[in-house]
Amino acid sequence: MPDDQVVVTGGSKGIGAAIATELAARGHEVVSLSRSGTAPVGRAVACDLTDEAALVAAVAGVAEQGSIASLVNNAGINVAHKSSELGLADYEQVMRVNASSTMLASREIYPHLKARGGGTIVNIGSFFDKVGVRHQLAYSASKAAIAAMTRVLAVEWARDGICVVNVAPGYIRTELSEFWQNPKSLAWIEERVPLRRPGTSQEVARFVASLLGERNAFLTGETIYIDGAHGINH
């Protein structure tokens, strides 16, 4: 039975798929939880991450296959609306997928990490947690919540040997986003980001994998921005 299982939520596509692929390439046993139940590598488990009972059952099923070493909370959605027109249903859906699933998955993984003497939880946030972005109230609020959860869980679970880190990407070019099909968007990024380009899913994936591989126990509770210096550019 594998004793190095890494659970990745939302590992079927985008940044999550890149993270799963990178972890598998470095020898980790990867289990992806997603609504579609598909994954580029490793084992895939179909799970509605907004359904508490389904998530509880999914984590229990993974634990039956072997020890869980780490968790990457990557699952997320974005619904853009003018704040004056944002409906409660859309707001709550973003919060459930992005923030509530992070809390639930972390809660369910916790006893398994504690039982093995510790482990690592990496949350995928966003630099939107610290900047004002038009039409992104729900998404920004959800990512700020993830940063807050990271700090709280790091403090509570440090004595159990569990590190919790929040990785907050900036603009990342993926095959899923229509944003990058617009030449004006690319021109804006080149002007605004000091590196003059968006990041890649692979760059995020390599950093996440390095956190799990090195497991620096004294690095916990922090939000680390991987945004090409965009968020600090003035």
C-alpha atoms as a PDB file:
ATOM      1  CA  MET A   1       0.000   0.000   0.000  1.00  0.00           C
ATOM      2  CA  PRO A   2       1.357   3.488  -0.822  1.00  0.00           C
ATOM      3  CA  ASP A   3       2.525   5.534   2.158  1.00  0.00           C
ATOM      4  CA  ASP A   4       3.210   8.780   0.285  1.00  0.00           C
ATOM      5  CA  GLN A   5      -0.211   9.692  -1.062  1.00  0.00           C
ATOM      6  CA  VAL A   6      -0.738  13.321  -1.963  1.00  0.00           C
ATOM      7  CA  VAL A   7      -4.345  14.417  -2.365  1.00  0.00           C
ATOM      8  CA  VAL A   8      -4.877  17.190  -4.932  1.00  0.00           C
ATOM      9  CA  THR A   9      -8.306  18.773  -5.174  1.00  0.00           C
ATOM     10  CA  GLY A  10      -9.309  19.990  -8.608  1.00  0.00           C
ATOM     11  CA  GLY A  11      -6.509  17.947 -10.140  1.00  0.00           C
ATOM     12  CA  SER A  12      -8.265  17.206 -13.412  1.00  0.00           C
ATOM     13  CA  LYS A  13      -7.303  20.341 -15.334  1.00  0.00           C
ATOM     14  CA  GLY A  14      -5.472  23.653 -15.331  1.00  0.00           C
ATOM     15  CA  ILE A  15      -3.035  24.374 -12.509  1.00  0.00           C
ATOM     16  CA  GLY A  16      -4.281  21.352 -10.576  1.00  0.00           C
ATOM     17  CA  ALA A  17      -3.420  18.994 -13.427  1.00  0.00           C
ATOM     18  CA  ALA A  18       0.030  20.558 -13.713  1.00  0.00           C
ATOM     19  CA  ILE A  19       0.601  20.094  -9.975  1.00  0.00           C
ATOM     20  CA  ALA A  20      -0.542  16.463 -10.117  1.00  0.00           C
ATOM     21  CA  THR A  21       1.729  15.787 -13.091  1.00  0.00           C
ATOM     22  CA  GLU A  22       4.772  17.395 -11.458  1.00  0.00           C
ATOM     23  CA  LEU A  23       4.235  15.540  -8.187  1.00  0.00           C
ATOM     24  CA  ALA A  24       3.887  12.212  -9.975  1.00  0.00           C
ATOM     25  CA  ALA A  25       7.088  12.920 -11.930  1.00  0.00           C
ATOM     26  CA  ARG A  26       8.883  13.387  -8.605  1.00  0.00           C
ATOM     27  CA  GLY A  27       7.711  10.023  -7.315  1.00  0.00           C
ATOM     28  CA  HIS A  28       4.638  10.927  -5.269  1.00  0.00           C
ATOM     29  CA  GLU A  29       1.489   8.796  -5.289  1.00  0.00           C
ATOM     30  CA  VAL A  30      -1.082  11.336  -6.485  1.00  0.00           C
ATOM     31  CA  VAL A  31      -4.827  11.097  -5.893  1.00  0.00           C
ATOM     32  CA  SER A  32      -6.938  13.773  -7.575  1.00  0.00           C
ATOM     33  CA  LEU A  33     -10.387  14.685  -6.273  1.00  0.00           C
ATOM     34  CA  SER A  34     -12.630  16.441  -8.772  1.00  0.00           C
ATOM     35  CA  ARG A  35     -16.209  16.585  -9.918  1.00  0.00           C
ATOM     36  CA  SER A  36     -15.270  14.953 -13.230  1.00  0.00           C
ATOM     37  CA  GLY A  37     -13.350  12.106 -11.634  1.00  0.00           C
ATOM     38  CA  THR A  38     -10.552  12.380 -14.194  1.00  0.00           C
ATOM     39  CA  ALA A  39      -6.845  13.092 -13.830  1.00  0.00           C
ATOM     40  CA  PRO A  40      -3.777  13.271 -16.083  1.00  0.00           C
ATOM     41  CA  VAL A  41      -1.776  10.996 -13.785  1.00  0.00           C
ATOM     42  CA  GLY A  42      -2.200   8.866 -10.679  1.00  0.00           C
ATOM     43  CA  ARG A  43      -5.574   7.887  -9.324  1.00  0.00           C
ATOM     44  CA  ALA A  44      -8.752   9.922  -9.835  1.00  0.00           C
ATOM     45  CA  VAL A  45     -11.731  10.037  -7.482  1.00  0.00           C
ATOM     46  CA  ALA A  46     -15.023  11.651  -8.467  1.00  0.00           C
ATOM     47  CA  CYS A  47     -16.164  13.994  -5.712  1.00  0.00           C
ATOM     48  CA  ASP A  48     -18.327  17.101  -5.456  1.00  0.00           C
ATOM     49  CA  LEU A  49     -16.081  19.126  -3.175  1.00  0.00           C
ATOM     50  CA  THR A  50     -19.004  21.302  -2.066  1.00  0.00           C
ATOM     51  CA  ASP A  51     -20.817  18.216  -0.720  1.00  0.00           C
ATOM     52  CA  GLU A  52     -19.578  17.624   2.820  1.00  0.00           C
ATOM     53  CA  ALA A  53     -20.670  13.986   2.989  1.00  0.00           C
ATOM     54  CA  ALA A  54     -19.122  13.201  -0.384  1.00  0.00           C
ATOM     55  CA  LEU A  55     -15.816  14.805   0.599  1.00  0.00           C
ATOM     56  CA  VAL A  56     -15.729  12.962   3.917  1.00  0.00           C
ATOM     57  CA  ALA A  57     -16.315   9.668   2.120  1.00  0.00           C
ATOM     58  CA  ALA A  58     -13.713  10.431  -0.564  1.00  0.00           C
ATOM     59  CA  VAL A  59     -10.941  11.159   1.950  1.00  0.00           C
ATOM     60  CA  ALA A  60     -11.837   8.049   3.938  1.00  0.00           C
ATOM     61  CA  GLY A  61     -11.623   6.008   0.745  1.00  0.00           C
ATOM     62  CA  VAL A  62      -8.186   7.416  -0.076  1.00  0.00           C
ATOM     63  CA  ALA A  63      -6.974   6.609   3.450  1.00  0.00           C
ATOM     64  CA  GLU A  64      -8.085   3.001   3.001  1.00  0.00           C
ATOM     65  CA  GLN A  65      -5.597   2.721   0.128  1.00  0.00           C
ATOM     66  CA  GLY A  66      -2.638   3.908   2.174  1.00  0.00           C
ATOM     67  CA  SER A  67      -1.186   6.671   4.320  1.00  0.00           C
ATOM     68  CA  ILE A  68      -1.873  10.296   3.300  1.00  0.00           C
ATOM     69  CA  ALA A  69       1.263  12.452   3.422  1.00  0.00           C
ATOM     70  CA  SER A  70       0.081  15.785   2.027  1.00  0.00           C
ATOM     71  CA  LEU A  71      -2.849  17.787   0.684  1.00  0.00           C
ATOM     72  CA  VAL A  72      -2.961  20.401  -2.060  1.00  0.00           C
ATOM     73  CA  ASN A  73      -6.160  22.450  -1.927  1.00  0.00           C
ATOM     74  CA  ASN A  74      -6.351  23.662  -5.512  1.00  0.00           C
ATOM     75  CA  ALA A  75     -10.027  23.412  -6.530  1.00  0.00           C
ATOM     76  CA  GLY A  76     -11.541  26.728  -7.497  1.00  0.00           C
ATOM     77  CA  ILE A  77     -13.893  28.641  -9.764  1.00  0.00           C
ATOM     78  CA  ASN A  78     -14.328  32.270 -10.727  1.00  0.00           C
ATOM     79  CA  VAL A  79     -17.556  34.092 -11.551  1.00  0.00           C
ATOM     80  CA  ALA A  80     -16.969  37.699 -12.604  1.00  0.00           C
ATOM     81  CA  HIS A  81     -19.729  40.238 -11.930  1.00  0.00           C
ATOM     82  CA  LYS A  82     -20.038  43.905 -11.199  1.00  0.00           C
ATOM     83  CA  SER A  83     -20.352  44.066  -7.416  1.00  0.00           C
ATOM     84  CA  SER A  84     -23.602  46.012  -7.750  1.00  0.00           C
ATOM     85  CA  GLU A  85     -25.058  43.123  -9.748  1.00  0.00           C
ATOM     86  CA  LEU A  86     -23.542  40.151  -7.915  1.00  0.00           C
ATOM     87  CA  GLY A  87     -26.208  37.686  -6.857  1.00  0.00           C
ATOM     88  CA  LEU A  88     -26.006  35.845  -3.555  1.00  0.00           C
ATOM     89  CA  ALA A  89     -26.188  32.453  -5.271  1.00  0.00           C
ATOM     90  CA  ASP A  90     -23.127  33.190  -7.425  1.00  0.00           C
ATOM     91  CA  TYR A  91     -21.228  34.624  -4.459  1.00  0.00           C
ATOM     92  CA  GLU A  92     -21.992  31.629  -2.264  1.00  0.00           C
ATOM     93  CA  GLN A  93     -21.086  29.162  -5.017  1.00  0.00           C
ATOM     94  CA  VAL A  94     -17.622  30.704  -5.384  1.00  0.00           C
ATOM     95  CA  MET A  95     -17.144  30.682  -1.620  1.00  0.00           C
ATOM     96  CA  ARG A  96     -18.245  27.042  -1.363  1.00  0.00           C
ATOM     97  CA  VAL A  97     -15.943  25.775  -4.106  1.00  0.00           C
ATOM     98  CA  ASN A  98     -12.926  27.907  -3.243  1.00  0.00           C
ATOM     99  CA  ALA A  99     -13.019  28.462   0.515  1.00  0.00           C
ATOM    100  CA  SER A 100     -15.406  25.958   2.087  1.00  0.00           C
ATOM    101  CA  SER A 101     -13.863  23.015   0.227  1.00  0.00           C
ATOM    102  CA  THR A 102     -10.440  24.091   1.514  1.00  0.00           C
ATOM    103  CA  MET A 103     -11.708  24.053   5.074  1.00  0.00           C
ATOM    104  CA  LEU A 104     -13.484  20.696   4.676  1.00  0.00           C
ATOM    105  CA  ALA A 105     -10.609  18.920   2.925  1.00  0.00           C
ATOM    106  CA  SER A 106      -8.114  20.223   5.486  1.00  0.00           C
ATOM    107  CA  ARG A 107     -10.345  19.129   8.367  1.00  0.00           C
ATOM    108  CA  GLU A 108     -10.735  15.633   6.955  1.00  0.00           C
ATOM    109  CA  ILE A 109      -7.044  15.217   6.108  1.00  0.00           C
ATOM    110  CA  TYR A 110      -5.916  16.471   9.524  1.00  0.00           C
ATOM    111  CA  PRO A 111      -6.317  13.263  11.563  1.00  0.00           C
ATOM    112  CA  HIS A 112      -4.436  11.279   8.936  1.00  0.00           C
ATOM    113  CA  LEU A 113      -1.495  13.673   8.937  1.00  0.00           C
ATOM    114  CA  LYS A 114      -1.500  13.798  12.725  1.00  0.00           C
ATOM    115  CA  ALA A 115      -1.482   9.993  12.942  1.00  0.00           C
ATOM    116  CA  ARG A 116       1.649   9.743  10.798  1.00  0.00           C
ATOM    117  CA  GLY A 117       3.449  12.404  12.833  1.00  0.00           C
ATOM    118  CA  GLY A 118       2.898  15.374  10.536  1.00  0.00           C
ATOM    119  CA  GLY A 119       2.642  16.428   6.931  1.00  0.00           C
ATOM    120  CA  THR A 120       2.094  19.378   4.651  1.00  0.00           C
ATOM    121  CA  ILE A 121      -0.986  21.207   3.415  1.00  0.00           C
ATOM    122  CA  VAL A 122      -0.537  23.600   0.505  1.00  0.00           C
ATOM    123  CA  ASN A 123      -3.446  25.902  -0.274  1.00  0.00           C
ATOM    124  CA  ILE A 124      -3.676  27.595  -3.654  1.00  0.00           C
ATOM    125  CA  GLY A 125      -4.732  31.183  -3.110  1.00  0.00           C
ATOM    126  CA  SER A 126      -4.284  34.220  -5.355  1.00  0.00           C
ATOM    127  CA  PHE A 127      -2.655  37.613  -5.292  1.00  0.00           C
ATOM    128  CA  PHE A 128      -6.218  38.907  -5.668  1.00  0.00           C
ATOM    129  CA  ASP A 129      -6.360  38.504  -1.876  1.00  0.00           C
ATOM    130  CA  LYS A 130      -4.442  41.775  -1.484  1.00  0.00           C
ATOM    131  CA  VAL A 131      -5.391  43.906  -4.489  1.00  0.00           C
ATOM    132  CA  GLY A 132      -8.601  45.559  -5.639  1.00  0.00           C
ATOM    133  CA  VAL A 133      -9.812  44.010  -8.885  1.00  0.00           C
ATOM    134  CA  ARG A 134     -12.990  45.133 -10.602  1.00  0.00           C
ATOM    135  CA  HIS A 135     -15.770  42.534 -10.868  1.00  0.00           C
ATOM    136  CA  GLN A 136     -13.886  40.075  -8.642  1.00  0.00           C
ATOM    137  CA  LEU A 137     -15.555  40.536  -5.268  1.00  0.00           C
ATOM    138  CA  ALA A 138     -16.491  36.870  -4.716  1.00  0.00           C
ATOM    139  CA  TYR A 139     -13.222  35.426  -5.986  1.00  0.00           C
ATOM    140  CA  SER A 140     -11.081  37.913  -4.085  1.00  0.00           C
ATOM    141  CA  ALA A 141     -13.027  37.332  -0.877  1.00  0.00           C
ATOM    142  CA  SER A 142     -12.675  33.576  -1.218  1.00  0.00           C
ATOM    143  CA  LYS A 143      -8.915  33.797  -1.725  1.00  0.00           C
ATOM    144  CA  ALA A 144      -8.539  36.161   1.238  1.00  0.00           C
ATOM    145  CA  ALA A 145     -10.440  33.592   3.299  1.00  0.00           C
ATOM    146  CA  ILE A 146      -7.972  30.896   2.222  1.00  0.00           C
ATOM    147  CA  ALA A 147      -5.056  33.050   3.384  1.00  0.00           C
ATOM    148  CA  ALA A 148      -6.760  33.529   6.760  1.00  0.00           C
ATOM    149  CA  MET A 149      -7.438  29.784   7.070  1.00  0.00           C
ATOM    150  CA  THR A 150      -3.788  29.085   6.344  1.00  0.00           C
ATOM    151  CA  ARG A 151      -2.688  31.240   9.263  1.00  0.00           C
ATOM    152  CA  VAL A 152      -5.211  29.747  11.678  1.00  0.00           C
ATOM    153  CA  LEU A 153      -4.528  26.124  10.751  1.00  0.00           C
ATOM    154  CA  ALA A 154      -0.764  26.660  10.883  1.00  0.00           C
ATOM    155  CA  VAL A 155      -1.029  27.941  14.457  1.00  0.00           C
ATOM    156  CA  GLU A 156      -3.443  25.235  15.603  1.00  0.00           C
ATOM    157  CA  TRP A 157      -1.698  22.275  13.981  1.00  0.00           C
ATOM    158  CA  ALA A 158       1.981  23.159  14.400  1.00  0.00           C
ATOM    159  CA  ARG A 159       2.236  20.989  17.524  1.00  0.00           C
ATOM    160  CA  ASP A 160       1.055  18.049  15.398  1.00  0.00           C
ATOM    161  CA  GLY A 161       3.932  18.517  12.951  1.00  0.00           C
ATOM    162  CA  ILE A 162       1.673  19.853  10.203  1.00  0.00           C
ATOM    163  CA  CYS A 163       2.858  22.718   7.988  1.00  0.00           C
ATOM    164  CA  VAL A 164       0.265  24.825   6.180  1.00  0.00           C
ATOM    165  CA  VAL A 165       1.364  27.182   3.401  1.00  0.00           C
ATOM    166  CA  ASN A 166      -0.638  29.357   1.015  1.00  0.00           C
ATOM    167  CA  VAL A 167       0.743  29.672  -2.531  1.00  0.00           C
ATOM    168  CA  ALA A 168      -0.804  32.706  -4.218  1.00  0.00           C
ATOM    169  CA  PRO A 169      -0.297  32.905  -7.994  1.00  0.00           C
ATOM    170  CA  GLY A 170      -0.700  36.006 -10.095  1.00  0.00           C
ATOM    171  CA  TYR A 171      -1.848  35.841 -13.707  1.00  0.00           C
ATOM    172  CA  ILE A 172      -1.161  32.322 -14.919  1.00  0.00           C
ATOM    173  CA  ARG A 173      -1.675  31.330 -18.521  1.00  0.00           C
ATOM    174  CA  THR A 174      -3.626  28.075 -18.803  1.00  0.00           C
ATOM    175  CA  GLU A 175      -5.414  26.379 -21.651  1.00  0.00           C
ATOM    176  CA  LEU A 176      -8.720  26.969 -19.874  1.00  0.00           C
ATOM    177  CA  SER A 177      -8.833  30.763 -19.818  1.00  0.00           C
ATOM    178  CA  GLU A 178     -10.233  32.840 -22.663  1.00  0.00           C
ATOM    179  CA  PHE A 179      -8.394  35.845 -21.209  1.00  0.00           C
ATOM    180  CA  TRP A 180      -5.250  34.854 -23.077  1.00  0.00           C
ATOM    181  CA  GLN A 181      -6.964  34.726 -26.445  1.00  0.00           C
ATOM    182  CA  ASN A 182      -7.255  38.511 -26.415  1.00  0.00           C
ATOM    183  CA  PRO A 183      -4.150  40.358 -27.711  1.00  0.00           C
ATOM    184  CA  LYS A 184      -5.086  43.361 -25.560  1.00  0.00           C
ATOM    185  CA  SER A 185      -4.887  41.168 -22.457  1.00  0.00           C
ATOM    186  CA  LEU A 186      -1.405  40.017 -23.345  1.00  0.00           C
ATOM    187  CA  ALA A 187      -0.309  43.571 -24.071  1.00  0.00           C
ATOM    188  CA  TRP A 188      -1.642  44.690 -20.679  1.00  0.00           C
ATOM    189  CA  ILE A 189       0.252  41.907 -18.922  1.00  0.00           C
ATOM    190  CA  GLU A 190       3.478  42.813 -20.718  1.00  0.00           C
ATOM    191  CA  GLU A 191       3.114  46.390 -19.507  1.00  0.00           C
ATOM    192  CA  ARG A 192       2.034  45.617 -15.947  1.00  0.00           C
ATOM    193  CA  VAL A 193       4.095  42.572 -14.931  1.00  0.00           C
ATOM    194  CA  PRO A 194       7.825  43.298 -14.512  1.00  0.00           C
ATOM    195  CA  LEU A 195       8.679  39.976 -16.181  1.00  0.00           C
ATOM    196  CA  ARG A 196       6.553  41.115 -19.149  1.00  0.00           C
ATOM    197  CA  ARG A 197       4.636  37.847 -19.367  1.00  0.00           C
ATOM    198  CA  PRO A 198       2.125  35.736 -17.451  1.00  0.00           C
ATOM    199  CA  GLY A 199       3.261  32.793 -15.390  1.00  0.00           C
ATOM    200  CA  THR A 200       2.770  29.184 -16.399  1.00  0.00           C
ATOM    201  CA  SER A 201       0.993  26.305 -14.684  1.00  0.00           C
ATOM    202  CA  GLN A 202       4.281  24.444 -14.647  1.00  0.00           C
ATOM    203  CA  GLU A 203       6.000  27.230 -12.700  1.00  0.00           C
ATOM    204  CA  VAL A 204       3.333  27.045 -10.008  1.00  0.00           C
ATOM    205  CA  ALA A 205       3.494  23.254 -10.031  1.00  0.00           C
ATOM    206  CA  ARG A 206       7.271  23.190  -9.567  1.00  0.00           C
ATOM    207  CA  PHE A 207       7.043  25.510  -6.593  1.00  0.00           C
ATOM    208  CA  VAL A 208       4.281  23.485  -4.936  1.00  0.00           C
ATOM    209  CA  ALA A 209       6.260  20.282  -5.502  1.00  0.00           C
ATOM    210  CA  SER A 210       9.353  21.879  -3.966  1.00  0.00           C
ATOM    211  CA  LEU A 211       7.405  22.732  -0.810  1.00  0.00           C
ATOM    212  CA  LEU A 212       6.295  19.134  -0.430  1.00  0.00           C
ATOM    213  CA  GLY A 213       9.710  17.754  -1.315  1.00  0.00           C
ATOM    214  CA  GLU A 214      11.765  19.959   1.006  1.00  0.00           C
ATOM    215  CA  ARG A 215       9.180  20.088   3.809  1.00  0.00           C
ATOM    216  CA  ASN A 216      10.816  22.893   5.756  1.00  0.00           C
ATOM    217  CA  ALA A 217       8.987  22.551   9.064  1.00  0.00           C
ATOM    218  CA  PHE A 218       9.718  26.141  10.105  1.00  0.00           C
ATOM    219  CA  LEU A 219       7.932  27.535   7.049  1.00  0.00           C
ATOM    220  CA  THR A 220       4.272  27.536   7.982  1.00  0.00           C
ATOM    221  CA  GLY A 221       1.337  29.941   8.033  1.00  0.00           C
ATOM    222  CA  GLU A 222       2.715  32.122   5.272  1.00  0.00           C
ATOM    223  CA  THR A 223       1.259  33.312   1.971  1.00  0.00           C
ATOM    224  CA  ILE A 224       3.905  33.162  -0.757  1.00  0.00           C
ATOM    225  CA  TYR A 225       3.146  35.115  -3.923  1.00  0.00           C
ATOM    226  CA  ILE A 226       4.255  33.746  -7.270  1.00  0.00           C
ATOM    227  CA  ASP A 227       3.222  36.584  -9.546  1.00  0.00           C
ATOM    228  CA  GLY A 228       6.321  37.875 -11.321  1.00  0.00           C
ATOM    229  CA  ALA A 229       6.386  40.839  -8.888  1.00  0.00           C
ATOM    230  CA  HIS A 230       3.051  42.069 -10.271  1.00  0.00           C
ATOM    231  CA  GLY A 231       1.476  42.622  -6.862  1.00  0.00           C
ATOM    232  CA  ILE A 232       4.293  44.877  -5.647  1.00  0.00           C
ATOM    233  CA  ASN A 233       4.828  46.752  -8.893  1.00  0.00           C
ATOM    234  CA  HIS A 234       4.026  50.452  -8.525  1.00  0.00           C
END
